[in-house]
Amino acid sequence: MAILRAQDVHQLSEVELQEQMEKLRMELVQHYGKVSAGGATENPGHIGELRRTIARLMTEKNRRRTA
């Protein structure tokens, strides 16, 4: 999954925002599952990028809700 930047997140609709968040959360769970099973991810930095992107999506969602 591609990492979304703040500019990209602003352009998403509400439905797209929710879909992207669900996809990224599932990918993050899969990475955590690999690590907890004793394996190693191919790119450990990708977990941090996923978390930051999810945070960007949540921030935009909250910004729209209060605006």
PDB file of N, CA and C in Angstrom:
ATOM      1  N   MET A   1       0.840  -1.169   0.000  1.00  0.00           N
ATOM      2  CA  MET A   1       0.000   0.000   0.000  1.00  0.00           C
ATOM      3  C   MET A   1       0.890   1.239   0.000  1.00  0.00           C
ATOM      4  N   ALA A   2       0.496   2.202  -0.781  1.00  0.00           N
ATOM      5  CA  ALA A   2       1.256   3.432  -0.870  1.00  0.00           C
ATOM      6  C   ALA A   2       1.044   4.282   0.382  1.00  0.00           C
ATOM      7  N   ILE A   3       2.089   4.944   0.796  1.00  0.00           N
ATOM      8  CA  ILE A   3       2.014   5.844   1.933  1.00  0.00           C
ATOM      9  C   ILE A   3       1.449   7.175   1.455  1.00  0.00           C
ATOM     10  N   LEU A   4       0.456   7.677   2.147  1.00  0.00           N
ATOM     11  CA  LEU A   4      -0.200   8.927   1.766  1.00  0.00           C
ATOM     12  C   LEU A   4       0.395  10.095   2.531  1.00  0.00           C
ATOM     13  N   ARG A   5       0.644  11.165   1.847  1.00  0.00           N
ATOM     14  CA  ARG A   5       1.131  12.395   2.467  1.00  0.00           C
ATOM     15  C   ARG A   5      -0.063  13.288   2.790  1.00  0.00           C
ATOM     16  N   ALA A   6       0.157  14.313   3.590  1.00  0.00           N
ATOM     17  CA  ALA A   6      -0.923  15.190   4.050  1.00  0.00           C
ATOM     18  C   ALA A   6      -1.680  15.807   2.873  1.00  0.00           C
ATOM     19  N   GLN A   7      -0.970  16.194   1.845  1.00  0.00           N
ATOM     20  CA  GLN A   7      -1.622  16.796   0.678  1.00  0.00           C
ATOM     21  C   GLN A   7      -2.560  15.793   0.008  1.00  0.00           C
ATOM     22  N   ASP A   8      -2.148  14.537  -0.064  1.00  0.00           N
ATOM     23  CA  ASP A   8      -2.992  13.500  -0.651  1.00  0.00           C
ATOM     24  C   ASP A   8      -4.212  13.219   0.212  1.00  0.00           C
ATOM     25  N   VAL A   9      -4.031  13.245   1.521  1.00  0.00           N
ATOM     26  CA  VAL A   9      -5.122  12.953   2.457  1.00  0.00           C
ATOM     27  C   VAL A   9      -6.206  14.026   2.355  1.00  0.00           C
ATOM     28  N   HIS A  10      -5.831  15.282   2.179  1.00  0.00           N
ATOM     29  CA  HIS A  10      -6.800  16.374   2.085  1.00  0.00           C
ATOM     30  C   HIS A  10      -7.730  16.193   0.888  1.00  0.00           C
ATOM     31  N   GLN A  11      -7.252  15.517  -0.149  1.00  0.00           N
ATOM     32  CA  GLN A  11      -8.030  15.377  -1.379  1.00  0.00           C
ATOM     33  C   GLN A  11      -8.984  14.193  -1.357  1.00  0.00           C
ATOM     34  N   LEU A  12      -8.897  13.342  -0.352  1.00  0.00           N
ATOM     35  CA  LEU A  12      -9.748  12.159  -0.285  1.00  0.00           C
ATOM     36  C   LEU A  12     -11.155  12.519   0.191  1.00  0.00           C
ATOM     37  N   SER A  13     -12.138  11.769  -0.305  1.00  0.00           N
ATOM     38  CA  SER A  13     -13.504  11.942   0.184  1.00  0.00           C
ATOM     39  C   SER A  13     -13.641  11.180   1.507  1.00  0.00           C
ATOM     40  N   GLU A  14     -14.781  11.339   2.165  1.00  0.00           N
ATOM     41  CA  GLU A  14     -15.022  10.655   3.441  1.00  0.00           C
ATOM     42  C   GLU A  14     -14.950   9.144   3.280  1.00  0.00           C
ATOM     43  N   VAL A  15     -15.553   8.627   2.228  1.00  0.00           N
ATOM     44  CA  VAL A  15     -15.580   7.178   1.998  1.00  0.00           C
ATOM     45  C   VAL A  15     -14.170   6.665   1.714  1.00  0.00           C
ATOM     46  N   GLU A  16     -13.435   7.375   0.865  1.00  0.00           N
ATOM     47  CA  GLU A  16     -12.058   6.973   0.549  1.00  0.00           C
ATOM     48  C   GLU A  16     -11.180   7.028   1.793  1.00  0.00           C
ATOM     49  N   LEU A  17     -11.402   8.024   2.614  1.00  0.00           N
ATOM     50  CA  LEU A  17     -10.646   8.174   3.850  1.00  0.00           C
ATOM     51  C   LEU A  17     -10.845   6.950   4.745  1.00  0.00           C
ATOM     52  N   GLN A  18     -12.082   6.532   4.898  1.00  0.00           N
ATOM     53  CA  GLN A  18     -12.399   5.371   5.730  1.00  0.00           C
ATOM     54  C   GLN A  18     -11.826   4.090   5.130  1.00  0.00           C
ATOM     55  N   GLU A  19     -11.933   3.921   3.814  1.00  0.00           N
ATOM     56  CA  GLU A  19     -11.413   2.727   3.148  1.00  0.00           C
ATOM     57  C   GLU A  19      -9.905   2.623   3.302  1.00  0.00           C
ATOM     58  N   GLN A  20      -9.210   3.732   3.107  1.00  0.00           N
ATOM     59  CA  GLN A  20      -7.751   3.737   3.242  1.00  0.00           C
ATOM     60  C   GLN A  20      -7.342   3.391   4.669  1.00  0.00           C
ATOM     61  N   MET A  21      -8.061   3.931   5.632  1.00  0.00           N
ATOM     62  CA  MET A  21      -7.739   3.662   7.030  1.00  0.00           C
ATOM     63  C   MET A  21      -7.900   2.176   7.348  1.00  0.00           C
ATOM     64  N   GLU A  22      -8.974   1.577   6.852  1.00  0.00           N
ATOM     65  CA  GLU A  22      -9.204   0.155   7.093  1.00  0.00           C
ATOM     66  C   GLU A  22      -8.118  -0.704   6.447  1.00  0.00           C
ATOM     67  N   LYS A  23      -7.737  -0.377   5.215  1.00  0.00           N
ATOM     68  CA  LYS A  23      -6.693  -1.128   4.512  1.00  0.00           C
ATOM     69  C   LYS A  23      -5.362  -1.036   5.251  1.00  0.00           C
ATOM     70  N   LEU A  24      -5.013   0.180   5.672  1.00  0.00           N
ATOM     71  CA  LEU A  24      -3.735   0.371   6.357  1.00  0.00           C
ATOM     72  C   LEU A  24      -3.722  -0.327   7.716  1.00  0.00           C
ATOM     73  N   ARG A  25      -4.849  -0.306   8.418  1.00  0.00           N
ATOM     74  CA  ARG A  25      -4.907  -0.992   9.712  1.00  0.00           C
ATOM     75  C   ARG A  25      -4.752  -2.499   9.542  1.00  0.00           C
ATOM     76  N   MET A  26      -5.370  -3.054   8.501  1.00  0.00           N
ATOM     77  CA  MET A  26      -5.230  -4.489   8.243  1.00  0.00           C
ATOM     78  C   MET A  26      -3.778  -4.838   7.908  1.00  0.00           C
ATOM     79  N   GLU A  27      -3.130  -3.997   7.112  1.00  0.00           N
ATOM     80  CA  GLU A  27      -1.726  -4.225   6.771  1.00  0.00           C
ATOM     81  C   GLU A  27      -0.847  -4.149   8.026  1.00  0.00           C
ATOM     82  N   LEU A  28      -1.141  -3.216   8.903  1.00  0.00           N
ATOM     83  CA  LEU A  28      -0.383  -3.076  10.140  1.00  0.00           C
ATOM     84  C   LEU A  28      -0.563  -4.298  11.031  1.00  0.00           C
ATOM     85  N   VAL A  29      -1.786  -4.804  11.117  1.00  0.00           N
ATOM     86  CA  VAL A  29      -2.052  -6.005  11.910  1.00  0.00           C
ATOM     87  C   VAL A  29      -1.271  -7.188  11.350  1.00  0.00           C
ATOM     88  N   GLN A  30      -1.202  -7.299  10.037  1.00  0.00           N
ATOM     89  CA  GLN A  30      -0.445  -8.381   9.416  1.00  0.00           C
ATOM     90  C   GLN A  30       1.039  -8.287   9.767  1.00  0.00           C
ATOM     91  N   HIS A  31       1.590  -7.077   9.736  1.00  0.00           N
ATOM     92  CA  HIS A  31       2.996  -6.885  10.094  1.00  0.00           C
ATOM     93  C   HIS A  31       3.235  -7.246  11.559  1.00  0.00           C
ATOM     94  N   TYR A  32       2.335  -6.795  12.435  1.00  0.00           N
ATOM     95  CA  TYR A  32       2.476  -7.121  13.854  1.00  0.00           C
ATOM     96  C   TYR A  32       2.345  -8.626  14.086  1.00  0.00           C
ATOM     97  N   GLY A  33       1.491  -9.278  13.310  1.00  0.00           N
ATOM     98  CA  GLY A  33       1.330 -10.722  13.419  1.00  0.00           C
ATOM     99  C   GLY A  33       2.606 -11.458  13.068  1.00  0.00           C
ATOM    100  N   LYS A  34       3.283 -10.994  12.028  1.00  0.00           N
ATOM    101  CA  LYS A  34       4.560 -11.602  11.638  1.00  0.00           C
ATOM    102  C   LYS A  34       5.586 -11.467  12.754  1.00  0.00           C
ATOM    103  N   VAL A  35       5.668 -10.282  13.308  1.00  0.00           N
ATOM    104  CA  VAL A  35       6.660 -10.013  14.345  1.00  0.00           C
ATOM    105  C   VAL A  35       6.353 -10.826  15.603  1.00  0.00           C
ATOM    106  N   SER A  36       5.084 -10.899  15.986  1.00  0.00           N
ATOM    107  CA  SER A  36       4.739 -11.620  17.208  1.00  0.00           C
ATOM    108  C   SER A  36       4.912 -13.134  17.042  1.00  0.00           C
ATOM    109  N   ALA A  37       4.867 -13.610  15.805  1.00  0.00           N
ATOM    110  CA  ALA A  37       5.058 -15.036  15.553  1.00  0.00           C
ATOM    111  C   ALA A  37       6.539 -15.403  15.509  1.00  0.00           C
ATOM    112  N   GLY A  38       7.386 -14.428  15.707  1.00  0.00           N
ATOM    113  CA  GLY A  38       8.818 -14.690  15.743  1.00  0.00           C
ATOM    114  C   GLY A  38       9.522 -14.402  14.438  1.00  0.00           C
ATOM    115  N   GLY A  39       8.794 -13.953  13.445  1.00  0.00           N
ATOM    116  CA  GLY A  39       9.394 -13.627  12.160  1.00  0.00           C
ATOM    117  C   GLY A  39       9.869 -12.192  12.131  1.00  0.00           C
ATOM    118  N   ALA A  40      10.440 -11.822  11.024  1.00  0.00           N
ATOM    119  CA  ALA A  40      10.895 -10.454  10.837  1.00  0.00           C
ATOM    120  C   ALA A  40      10.260  -9.900   9.568  1.00  0.00           C
ATOM    121  N   THR A  41       9.893  -8.644   9.603  1.00  0.00           N
ATOM    122  CA  THR A  41       9.336  -8.026   8.409  1.00  0.00           C
ATOM    123  C   THR A  41      10.466  -7.703   7.453  1.00  0.00           C
ATOM    124  N   GLU A  42      10.116  -7.576   6.185  1.00  0.00           N
ATOM    125  CA  GLU A  42      11.127  -7.247   5.181  1.00  0.00           C
ATOM    126  C   GLU A  42      11.685  -5.840   5.410  1.00  0.00           C
ATOM    127  N   ASN A  43      10.815  -4.939   5.844  1.00  0.00           N
ATOM    128  CA  ASN A  43      11.207  -3.549   6.031  1.00  0.00           C
ATOM    129  C   ASN A  43      10.619  -3.057   7.358  1.00  0.00           C
ATOM    130  N   PRO A  44      11.402  -3.086   8.424  1.00  0.00           N
ATOM    131  CA  PRO A  44      10.878  -2.669   9.728  1.00  0.00           C
ATOM    132  C   PRO A  44      10.422  -1.210   9.762  1.00  0.00           C
ATOM    133  N   GLY A  45      10.995  -0.370   8.949  1.00  0.00           N
ATOM    134  CA  GLY A  45      10.593   1.035   8.910  1.00  0.00           C
ATOM    135  C   GLY A  45       9.199   1.232   8.349  1.00  0.00           C
ATOM    136  N   HIS A  46       8.707   0.236   7.645  1.00  0.00           N
ATOM    137  CA  HIS A  46       7.379   0.341   7.043  1.00  0.00           C
ATOM    138  C   HIS A  46       6.291   0.382   8.111  1.00  0.00           C
ATOM    139  N   ILE A  47       6.515  -0.266   9.237  1.00  0.00           N
ATOM    140  CA  ILE A  47       5.545  -0.246  10.332  1.00  0.00           C
ATOM    141  C   ILE A  47       5.365   1.193  10.831  1.00  0.00           C
ATOM    142  N   GLY A  48       6.453   1.904  11.003  1.00  0.00           N
ATOM    143  CA  GLY A  48       6.373   3.297  11.434  1.00  0.00           C
ATOM    144  C   GLY A  48       5.663   4.170  10.425  1.00  0.00           C
ATOM    145  N   GLU A  49       5.932   3.931   9.139  1.00  0.00           N
ATOM    146  CA  GLU A  49       5.263   4.695   8.092  1.00  0.00           C
ATOM    147  C   GLU A  49       3.760   4.431   8.093  1.00  0.00           C
ATOM    148  N   LEU A  50       3.380   3.170   8.302  1.00  0.00           N
ATOM    149  CA  LEU A  50       1.956   2.843   8.371  1.00  0.00           C
ATOM    150  C   LEU A  50       1.290   3.561   9.535  1.00  0.00           C
ATOM    151  N   ARG A  51       1.935   3.550  10.685  1.00  0.00           N
ATOM    152  CA  ARG A  51       1.367   4.213  11.859  1.00  0.00           C
ATOM    153  C   ARG A  51       1.215   5.711  11.635  1.00  0.00           C
ATOM    154  N   ARG A  52       2.210   6.339  11.022  1.00  0.00           N
ATOM    155  CA  ARG A  52       2.138   7.775  10.750  1.00  0.00           C
ATOM    156  C   ARG A  52       1.042   8.098   9.742  1.00  0.00           C
ATOM    157  N   THR A  53       0.890   7.254   8.730  1.00  0.00           N
ATOM    158  CA  THR A  53      -0.156   7.486   7.732  1.00  0.00           C
ATOM    159  C   THR A  53      -1.538   7.331   8.343  1.00  0.00           C
ATOM    160  N   ILE A  54      -1.715   6.328   9.206  1.00  0.00           N
ATOM    161  CA  ILE A  54      -2.992   6.163   9.895  1.00  0.00           C
ATOM    162  C   ILE A  54      -3.273   7.395  10.753  1.00  0.00           C
ATOM    163  N   ALA A  55      -2.254   7.923  11.401  1.00  0.00           N
ATOM    164  CA  ALA A  55      -2.418   9.130  12.218  1.00  0.00           C
ATOM    165  C   ALA A  55      -2.827  10.315  11.346  1.00  0.00           C
ATOM    166  N   ARG A  56      -2.251  10.431  10.151  1.00  0.00           N
ATOM    167  CA  ARG A  56      -2.641  11.506   9.239  1.00  0.00           C
ATOM    168  C   ARG A  56      -4.111  11.385   8.853  1.00  0.00           C
ATOM    169  N   LEU A  57      -4.539  10.158   8.558  1.00  0.00           N
ATOM    170  CA  LEU A  57      -5.936   9.940   8.186  1.00  0.00           C
ATOM    171  C   LEU A  57      -6.870  10.275   9.340  1.00  0.00           C
ATOM    172  N   MET A  58      -6.507   9.870  10.547  1.00  0.00           N
ATOM    173  CA  MET A  58      -7.342  10.158  11.715  1.00  0.00           C
ATOM    174  C   MET A  58      -7.395  11.651  11.996  1.00  0.00           C
ATOM    175  N   THR A  59      -6.285  12.339  11.815  1.00  0.00           N
ATOM    176  CA  THR A  59      -6.240  13.785  12.028  1.00  0.00           C
ATOM    177  C   THR A  59      -7.163  14.492  11.044  1.00  0.00           C
ATOM    178  N   GLU A  60      -7.113  14.088   9.786  1.00  0.00           N
ATOM    179  CA  GLU A  60      -7.981  14.696   8.778  1.00  0.00           C
ATOM    180  C   GLU A  60      -9.446  14.402   9.073  1.00  0.00           C
ATOM    181  N   LYS A  61      -9.740  13.189   9.505  1.00  0.00           N
ATOM    182  CA  LYS A  61     -11.117  12.822   9.836  1.00  0.00           C
ATOM    183  C   LYS A  61     -11.640  13.684  10.986  1.00  0.00           C
ATOM    184  N   ASN A  62     -10.839  13.873  12.017  1.00  0.00           N
ATOM    185  CA  ASN A  62     -11.233  14.705  13.157  1.00  0.00           C
ATOM    186  C   ASN A  62     -11.353  16.168  12.760  1.00  0.00           C
ATOM    187  N   ARG A  63     -10.461  16.642  11.886  1.00  0.00           N
ATOM    188  CA  ARG A  63     -10.520  18.029  11.422  1.00  0.00           C
ATOM    189  C   ARG A  63     -11.826  18.281  10.678  1.00  0.00           C
ATOM    190  N   ARG A  64     -12.217  17.346   9.842  1.00  0.00           N
ATOM    191  CA  ARG A  64     -13.469  17.507   9.087  1.00  0.00           C
ATOM    192  C   ARG A  64     -14.689  17.452  10.006  1.00  0.00           C
ATOM    193  N   ARG A  65     -14.620  16.616  11.029  1.00  0.00           N
ATOM    194  CA  ARG A  65     -15.752  16.473  11.944  1.00  0.00           C
ATOM    195  C   ARG A  65     -15.985  17.754  12.732  1.00  0.00           C
ATOM    196  N   THR A  66     -14.913  18.428  13.143  1.00  0.00           N
ATOM    197  CA  THR A  66     -15.068  19.637  13.957  1.00  0.00           C
ATOM    198  C   THR A  66     -15.268  20.892  13.116  1.00  0.00           C
ATOM    199  N   ALA A  67     -14.987  20.825  11.835  1.00  0.00           N
ATOM    200  CA  ALA A  67     -15.105  22.025  10.994  1.00  0.00           C
ATOM    201  C   ALA A  67     -16.501  22.245  10.496  1.00  0.00           C
TER     202      ALA A  67
END
